[in-house]
């Protein structure tokens, strides 16, 4: 009886390993094929002004920081969420009461 359970557990683990390796190989193959395709096409930022590109990227990343800090200011001092949770969508849903609770169907 113990051997059957251990054999079943090994089979489940083996199946997960084989599935994971198969998915990894499929993903790497897709990345290689897409990479080959994109290396023969033109790069959209080939003639862009790099200082403006860097400025736009910094502004985009800073928007996440400012959004999280602003989200904290909406709550009273004792009920403020931490900054990491403030930017996560499911954390916003939980605070709004729209998240699924265990045992509920909505």
N, C-alpha and C. Protein backbone atom coordinates (compact mmCIF):
# COMPACT_ATOMS: atom_id res chain seq x y z
N UNK A 1 0.82 -1.18 0.00
CA UNK A 1 0.00 0.00 0.00
C UNK A 1 0.87 1.25 0.00
N UNK A 2 1.95 1.26 0.77
CA UNK A 2 2.84 2.40 0.83
C UNK A 2 3.56 2.58 -0.50
N UNK A 3 3.91 1.50 -1.15
CA UNK A 3 4.61 1.58 -2.43
C UNK A 3 3.70 2.17 -3.50
N UNK A 4 2.43 1.84 -3.48
CA UNK A 4 1.51 2.37 -4.47
C UNK A 4 1.37 3.88 -4.30
N UNK A 5 1.24 4.34 -3.06
CA UNK A 5 1.14 5.78 -2.81
C UNK A 5 2.40 6.51 -3.21
N UNK A 6 3.55 5.93 -2.89
CA UNK A 6 4.82 6.57 -3.26
C UNK A 6 4.99 6.55 -4.77
N UNK A 7 4.58 5.46 -5.41
CA UNK A 7 4.65 5.38 -6.87
C UNK A 7 3.75 6.41 -7.53
N UNK A 8 2.57 6.61 -6.96
CA UNK A 8 1.65 7.61 -7.49
C UNK A 8 2.21 9.01 -7.32
N UNK A 9 2.81 9.28 -6.16
CA UNK A 9 3.41 10.60 -5.93
C UNK A 9 4.58 10.83 -6.88
N UNK A 10 5.38 9.78 -7.11
CA UNK A 10 6.49 9.94 -8.04
C UNK A 10 5.97 10.18 -9.45
N UNK A 11 4.91 9.50 -9.81
CA UNK A 11 4.34 9.68 -11.14
C UNK A 11 3.79 11.10 -11.30
N UNK A 12 3.13 11.61 -10.27
CA UNK A 12 2.61 12.97 -10.34
C UNK A 12 3.78 13.97 -10.45
N UNK A 13 4.81 13.78 -9.65
CA UNK A 13 5.98 14.66 -9.71
C UNK A 13 6.67 14.53 -11.06
N UNK A 14 6.77 13.32 -11.55
CA UNK A 14 7.40 13.08 -12.85
C UNK A 14 6.59 13.76 -13.95
N UNK A 15 5.28 13.67 -13.87
CA UNK A 15 4.42 14.29 -14.87
C UNK A 15 4.58 15.82 -14.84
N UNK A 16 4.66 16.37 -13.63
CA UNK A 16 4.86 17.83 -13.52
C UNK A 16 6.20 18.25 -14.09
N UNK A 17 7.24 17.45 -13.84
CA UNK A 17 8.57 17.76 -14.35
C UNK A 17 8.58 17.70 -15.87
N UNK A 18 8.00 16.65 -16.43
CA UNK A 18 7.97 16.51 -17.89
C UNK A 18 7.16 17.65 -18.51
N UNK A 19 6.03 18.01 -17.90
CA UNK A 19 5.22 19.11 -18.41
C UNK A 19 6.00 20.43 -18.33
N UNK A 20 6.69 20.66 -17.23
CA UNK A 20 7.47 21.88 -17.08
C UNK A 20 8.60 21.98 -18.09
N UNK A 21 9.31 20.88 -18.29
CA UNK A 21 10.40 20.88 -19.27
C UNK A 21 9.84 21.08 -20.68
N UNK A 22 8.73 20.43 -20.99
CA UNK A 22 8.10 20.60 -22.30
C UNK A 22 7.67 22.04 -22.54
N UNK A 23 7.06 22.66 -21.51
CA UNK A 23 6.65 24.05 -21.64
C UNK A 23 7.86 24.97 -21.81
N UNK A 24 8.93 24.70 -21.07
CA UNK A 24 10.14 25.51 -21.19
C UNK A 24 10.73 25.39 -22.60
N UNK A 25 10.77 24.18 -23.13
CA UNK A 25 11.29 24.00 -24.49
C UNK A 25 10.42 24.70 -25.52
N UNK A 26 9.11 24.62 -25.35
CA UNK A 26 8.20 25.30 -26.26
C UNK A 26 8.40 26.82 -26.19
N UNK A 27 8.57 27.34 -24.98
CA UNK A 27 8.76 28.78 -24.81
C UNK A 27 10.08 29.24 -25.42
N UNK A 28 11.15 28.49 -25.18
CA UNK A 28 12.45 28.87 -25.75
C UNK A 28 12.40 28.80 -27.27
N UNK A 29 11.74 27.78 -27.83
CA UNK A 29 11.62 27.66 -29.28
C UNK A 29 10.86 28.85 -29.85
N UNK A 30 9.76 29.23 -29.19
CA UNK A 30 8.99 30.39 -29.66
C UNK A 30 9.83 31.66 -29.59
N UNK A 31 10.61 31.82 -28.53
CA UNK A 31 11.46 33.01 -28.40
C UNK A 31 12.52 33.05 -29.49
N UNK A 32 13.10 31.92 -29.82
CA UNK A 32 14.11 31.87 -30.88
C UNK A 32 13.49 32.21 -32.23
N UNK A 33 12.31 31.65 -32.51
CA UNK A 33 11.66 31.94 -33.78
C UNK A 33 11.25 33.40 -33.89
N UNK A 34 10.73 33.96 -32.82
CA UNK A 34 10.37 35.38 -32.83
C UNK A 34 11.61 36.24 -32.94
N UNK A 35 12.68 35.86 -32.24
CA UNK A 35 13.93 36.61 -32.33
C UNK A 35 14.50 36.62 -33.74
N UNK A 36 14.44 35.47 -34.41
CA UNK A 36 14.92 35.40 -35.79
C UNK A 36 14.08 36.30 -36.70
N UNK A 37 12.79 36.32 -36.45
CA UNK A 37 11.91 37.15 -37.26
C UNK A 37 12.18 38.64 -37.04
N UNK A 38 12.39 39.02 -35.78
CA UNK A 38 12.58 40.43 -35.46
C UNK A 38 13.96 40.95 -35.85
N UNK A 39 14.96 40.09 -35.93
CA UNK A 39 16.29 40.58 -36.31
C UNK A 39 16.34 40.97 -37.77
N UNK A 40 15.42 40.48 -38.57
CA UNK A 40 15.41 40.84 -39.99
C UNK A 40 14.47 42.00 -40.28
N UNK A 41 13.78 42.49 -39.27
CA UNK A 41 12.89 43.64 -39.47
C UNK A 41 13.56 44.89 -38.90
N UNK A 42 13.02 46.04 -39.22
CA UNK A 42 13.63 47.28 -38.74
C UNK A 42 13.23 47.52 -37.29
N UNK A 43 14.10 48.15 -36.55
CA UNK A 43 13.87 48.44 -35.14
C UNK A 43 13.10 49.76 -35.05
N UNK A 44 11.99 49.80 -34.31
CA UNK A 44 11.18 51.03 -34.28
C UNK A 44 11.93 52.23 -33.70
N UNK A 45 12.90 52.02 -32.85
CA UNK A 45 13.63 53.13 -32.25
C UNK A 45 14.99 53.37 -32.91
N UNK A 46 15.16 52.90 -34.12
CA UNK A 46 16.46 53.00 -34.78
C UNK A 46 16.89 54.45 -34.98
N UNK A 47 15.97 55.33 -35.31
CA UNK A 47 16.33 56.72 -35.58
C UNK A 47 15.76 57.67 -34.53
N UNK A 48 15.45 57.15 -33.37
CA UNK A 48 14.89 57.97 -32.30
C UNK A 48 15.99 58.74 -31.58
N UNK A 49 15.62 59.82 -30.93
CA UNK A 49 16.56 60.57 -30.12
C UNK A 49 16.62 59.90 -28.74
N UNK A 50 17.76 59.31 -28.43
CA UNK A 50 17.89 58.51 -27.21
C UNK A 50 17.63 59.28 -25.93
N UNK A 51 18.03 60.55 -25.80
CA UNK A 51 17.68 61.26 -24.55
C UNK A 51 16.17 61.33 -24.32
N UNK A 52 15.40 61.51 -25.39
CA UNK A 52 13.94 61.55 -25.24
C UNK A 52 13.37 60.18 -24.90
N UNK A 53 13.96 59.12 -25.45
CA UNK A 53 13.51 57.77 -25.14
C UNK A 53 13.77 57.45 -23.67
N UNK A 54 14.95 57.81 -23.19
CA UNK A 54 15.29 57.57 -21.78
C UNK A 54 14.38 58.40 -20.87
N UNK A 55 14.12 59.64 -21.26
CA UNK A 55 13.23 60.49 -20.46
C UNK A 55 11.82 59.90 -20.39
N UNK A 56 11.32 59.40 -21.51
CA UNK A 56 9.99 58.79 -21.52
C UNK A 56 9.95 57.54 -20.65
N UNK A 57 11.01 56.72 -20.69
CA UNK A 57 11.05 55.51 -19.87
C UNK A 57 11.09 55.85 -18.38
N UNK A 58 11.87 56.87 -18.02
CA UNK A 58 11.94 57.28 -16.61
C UNK A 58 10.60 57.83 -16.15
N UNK A 59 9.94 58.60 -16.99
CA UNK A 59 8.61 59.12 -16.63
C UNK A 59 7.61 57.99 -16.44
N UNK A 60 7.67 57.00 -17.30
CA UNK A 60 6.76 55.85 -17.19
C UNK A 60 6.99 55.10 -15.88
N UNK A 61 8.24 54.85 -15.53
CA UNK A 61 8.54 54.13 -14.29
C UNK A 61 8.19 54.97 -13.06
N UNK A 62 8.42 56.28 -13.14
CA UNK A 62 8.08 57.14 -12.01
C UNK A 62 6.56 57.23 -11.79
N UNK A 63 5.79 57.00 -12.85
CA UNK A 63 4.34 57.03 -12.69
C UNK A 63 3.86 55.95 -11.74
N UNK A 64 4.53 54.80 -11.73
CA UNK A 64 4.16 53.74 -10.79
C UNK A 64 4.42 54.16 -9.35
N UNK A 65 5.56 54.80 -9.13
CA UNK A 65 5.90 55.26 -7.78
C UNK A 65 4.92 56.33 -7.32
N UNK A 66 4.66 57.30 -8.18
CA UNK A 66 3.75 58.38 -7.80
C UNK A 66 2.32 57.88 -7.61
N UNK A 67 1.91 56.90 -8.42
CA UNK A 67 0.58 56.33 -8.26
C UNK A 67 0.43 55.62 -6.93
N UNK A 68 1.45 54.87 -6.53
CA UNK A 68 1.40 54.16 -5.25
C UNK A 68 1.40 55.15 -4.08
N UNK A 69 2.20 56.19 -4.17
CA UNK A 69 2.23 57.18 -3.09
C UNK A 69 0.91 57.96 -3.03
N UNK A 70 0.34 58.28 -4.17
CA UNK A 70 -0.94 58.97 -4.18
C UNK A 70 -2.07 58.11 -3.67
N UNK A 71 -2.00 56.82 -3.96
CA UNK A 71 -3.03 55.90 -3.49
C UNK A 71 -3.05 55.85 -1.96
N UNK A 72 -1.89 55.93 -1.36
CA UNK A 72 -1.81 55.92 0.12
C UNK A 72 -2.45 57.16 0.71
N UNK A 73 -2.38 58.29 0.02
CA UNK A 73 -2.91 59.53 0.57
C UNK A 73 -4.43 59.57 0.57
N UNK A 74 -5.07 58.63 -0.12
CA UNK A 74 -6.53 58.60 -0.15
C UNK A 74 -7.13 58.08 1.15
N UNK A 75 -6.35 57.37 1.95
CA UNK A 75 -6.86 56.72 3.15
C UNK A 75 -6.48 57.51 4.39
N UNK A 76 -7.29 57.41 5.46
CA UNK A 76 -6.91 58.03 6.74
C UNK A 76 -5.61 57.41 7.26
N UNK A 77 -4.96 58.10 8.15
CA UNK A 77 -3.63 57.71 8.62
C UNK A 77 -3.58 56.28 9.15
N UNK A 78 -4.55 55.83 9.89
CA UNK A 78 -4.50 54.49 10.46
C UNK A 78 -4.86 53.38 9.49
N UNK A 79 -5.44 53.72 8.34
CA UNK A 79 -5.91 52.71 7.40
C UNK A 79 -5.12 52.69 6.10
N UNK A 80 -3.96 53.32 6.08
CA UNK A 80 -3.18 53.39 4.84
C UNK A 80 -2.57 52.03 4.51
N UNK A 81 -2.71 51.57 3.25
CA UNK A 81 -2.04 50.33 2.85
C UNK A 81 -0.56 50.60 2.59
N UNK A 82 0.23 49.54 2.58
CA UNK A 82 1.65 49.75 2.26
C UNK A 82 1.77 50.07 0.77
N UNK A 83 2.90 50.65 0.38
CA UNK A 83 3.05 51.12 -0.99
C UNK A 83 3.08 49.99 -1.99
N UNK A 84 3.63 48.84 -1.64
CA UNK A 84 3.68 47.72 -2.57
C UNK A 84 2.30 47.18 -2.88
N UNK A 85 1.46 47.09 -1.88
CA UNK A 85 0.11 46.56 -2.08
C UNK A 85 -0.79 47.58 -2.76
N UNK A 86 -0.47 48.84 -2.63
CA UNK A 86 -1.33 49.87 -3.21
C UNK A 86 -1.34 49.81 -4.72
N UNK A 87 -0.26 49.38 -5.34
CA UNK A 87 -0.21 49.36 -6.79
C UNK A 87 -0.67 48.04 -7.39
N UNK A 88 -0.93 47.04 -6.57
CA UNK A 88 -1.34 45.73 -7.08
C UNK A 88 -2.85 45.71 -7.29
N UNK A 89 -3.33 45.29 -8.47
CA UNK A 89 -4.77 45.35 -8.75
C UNK A 89 -5.63 44.54 -7.78
N UNK A 90 -5.18 43.35 -7.39
CA UNK A 90 -6.02 42.55 -6.50
C UNK A 90 -6.11 43.19 -5.12
N UNK A 91 -5.08 43.93 -4.70
CA UNK A 91 -5.15 44.64 -3.43
C UNK A 91 -6.20 45.74 -3.49
N UNK A 92 -6.28 46.42 -4.61
CA UNK A 92 -7.31 47.45 -4.77
C UNK A 92 -8.69 46.83 -4.75
N UNK A 93 -8.86 45.67 -5.37
CA UNK A 93 -10.16 45.00 -5.38
C UNK A 93 -10.55 44.55 -3.99
N UNK A 94 -9.58 44.04 -3.22
CA UNK A 94 -9.89 43.59 -1.87
C UNK A 94 -10.37 44.76 -1.02
N UNK A 95 -9.69 45.90 -1.15
CA UNK A 95 -10.09 47.06 -0.36
C UNK A 95 -11.45 47.58 -0.79
N UNK A 96 -11.78 47.43 -2.07
CA UNK A 96 -13.06 47.91 -2.56
C UNK A 96 -14.18 46.90 -2.28
N UNK A 97 -13.84 45.71 -1.81
CA UNK A 97 -14.84 44.70 -1.49
C UNK A 97 -15.32 43.92 -2.69
N UNK A 98 -14.57 43.96 -3.80
CA UNK A 98 -14.99 43.26 -5.00
C UNK A 98 -14.24 41.96 -5.22
N UNK A 99 -13.39 41.59 -4.31
CA UNK A 99 -12.59 40.39 -4.50
C UNK A 99 -13.36 39.17 -4.01
N UNK A 100 -13.07 38.04 -4.63
CA UNK A 100 -13.71 36.79 -4.23
C UNK A 100 -13.18 36.34 -2.87
N UNK A 101 -14.09 35.97 -2.02
CA UNK A 101 -13.69 35.42 -0.74
C UNK A 101 -13.81 33.91 -0.82
N UNK A 102 -13.05 33.21 -0.01
CA UNK A 102 -13.11 31.76 -0.06
C UNK A 102 -14.52 31.31 0.32
N UNK A 103 -15.06 30.42 -0.51
CA UNK A 103 -16.38 29.90 -0.26
C UNK A 103 -17.47 30.66 -1.00
N UNK A 104 -17.19 31.83 -1.55
CA UNK A 104 -18.21 32.56 -2.28
C UNK A 104 -18.05 32.31 -3.77
N UNK A 105 -19.10 32.50 -4.51
CA UNK A 105 -19.06 32.24 -5.95
C UNK A 105 -18.83 33.48 -6.78
N UNK A 106 -18.83 34.66 -6.16
CA UNK A 106 -18.61 35.88 -6.92
C UNK A 106 -17.25 36.44 -6.70
